[in-house]
């Protein structure tokens, strides 16, 4: 096993992209009112999204990888 590190910023952006895709492709088609999150509450939702992404990025920045296959 060896340790692999990835910059938290890269992981954070990937997580945010995944959240955006999920909202756009899965949630909004089922609940069009969610598009309104871009207005008003949007800034709070954006802050929370980046906060969650940063928290997971910190956890996932270092992982153990086995080269045996």
Protein backbone atom coordinates (compact mmCIF):
# COMPACT_ATOMS: atom_id res chain seq x y z
CA UNK A 1 0.00 0.00 0.00
CA UNK A 2 1.15 3.49 -0.72
CA UNK A 3 -0.22 6.88 0.15
CA UNK A 4 -1.64 9.02 -2.64
CA UNK A 5 -2.35 12.71 -2.14
CA UNK A 6 -4.57 14.93 -4.23
CA UNK A 7 -4.94 18.65 -3.68
CA UNK A 8 -8.08 19.42 -1.71
CA UNK A 9 -9.00 22.18 -4.15
CA UNK A 10 -9.19 19.70 -7.03
CA UNK A 11 -11.35 17.29 -5.06
CA UNK A 12 -13.54 20.15 -3.84
CA UNK A 13 -14.20 21.34 -7.40
CA UNK A 14 -15.05 17.78 -8.48
CA UNK A 15 -17.53 17.44 -5.61
CA UNK A 16 -19.15 20.78 -6.41
CA UNK A 17 -19.43 19.74 -10.08
CA UNK A 18 -21.09 16.48 -9.01
CA UNK A 19 -23.56 18.31 -6.77
CA UNK A 20 -24.38 20.76 -9.59
CA UNK A 21 -24.93 17.92 -12.04
CA UNK A 22 -27.15 16.03 -9.59
CA UNK A 23 -29.27 19.11 -8.92
CA UNK A 24 -29.52 20.03 -12.62
CA UNK A 25 -30.16 16.52 -13.99
CA UNK A 26 -32.01 14.75 -11.18
CA UNK A 27 -33.66 17.24 -8.85
CA UNK A 28 -34.74 20.19 -11.01
CA UNK A 29 -36.58 18.03 -13.59
CA UNK A 30 -38.61 16.54 -10.73
CA UNK A 31 -39.08 19.83 -8.87
CA UNK A 32 -38.71 22.85 -11.18
CA UNK A 33 -39.12 25.22 -8.22
CA UNK A 34 -35.55 24.34 -7.25
CA UNK A 35 -34.31 26.49 -10.11
CA UNK A 36 -35.28 29.43 -7.90
CA UNK A 37 -32.32 28.59 -5.67
CA UNK A 38 -30.26 30.69 -8.04
CA UNK A 39 -32.14 33.69 -6.63
CA UNK A 40 -32.51 34.81 -3.05
CA UNK A 41 -31.52 31.70 -1.12
CA UNK A 42 -28.91 30.92 -3.76
CA UNK A 43 -26.03 32.48 -1.86
CA UNK A 44 -26.79 30.44 1.27
CA UNK A 45 -27.12 27.26 -0.78
CA UNK A 46 -23.85 28.04 -2.55
CA UNK A 47 -22.08 28.60 0.77
CA UNK A 48 -23.38 25.30 2.12
CA UNK A 49 -22.44 23.45 -1.07
CA UNK A 50 -18.85 24.67 -0.90
CA UNK A 51 -18.70 23.99 2.85
CA UNK A 52 -19.79 20.37 2.36
CA UNK A 53 -17.39 19.95 -0.58
CA UNK A 54 -14.48 21.30 1.48
CA UNK A 55 -15.28 18.97 4.36
CA UNK A 56 -15.27 15.88 2.12
CA UNK A 57 -12.23 17.08 0.17
CA UNK A 58 -10.26 17.28 3.40
CA UNK A 59 -11.20 13.68 4.20
CA UNK A 60 -10.45 12.37 0.73
CA UNK A 61 -7.22 14.26 0.00
CA UNK A 62 -5.10 11.34 1.22
CA UNK A 63 -5.88 7.73 0.39
CA UNK A 64 -4.15 4.38 0.41
CA UNK A 65 -3.69 2.60 -2.92
CA UNK A 66 -2.60 -0.93 -3.58
CA UNK A 67 -0.58 -1.45 -6.76
CA UNK A 68 -1.27 -5.19 -6.69
CA UNK A 69 -3.83 -6.17 -9.28
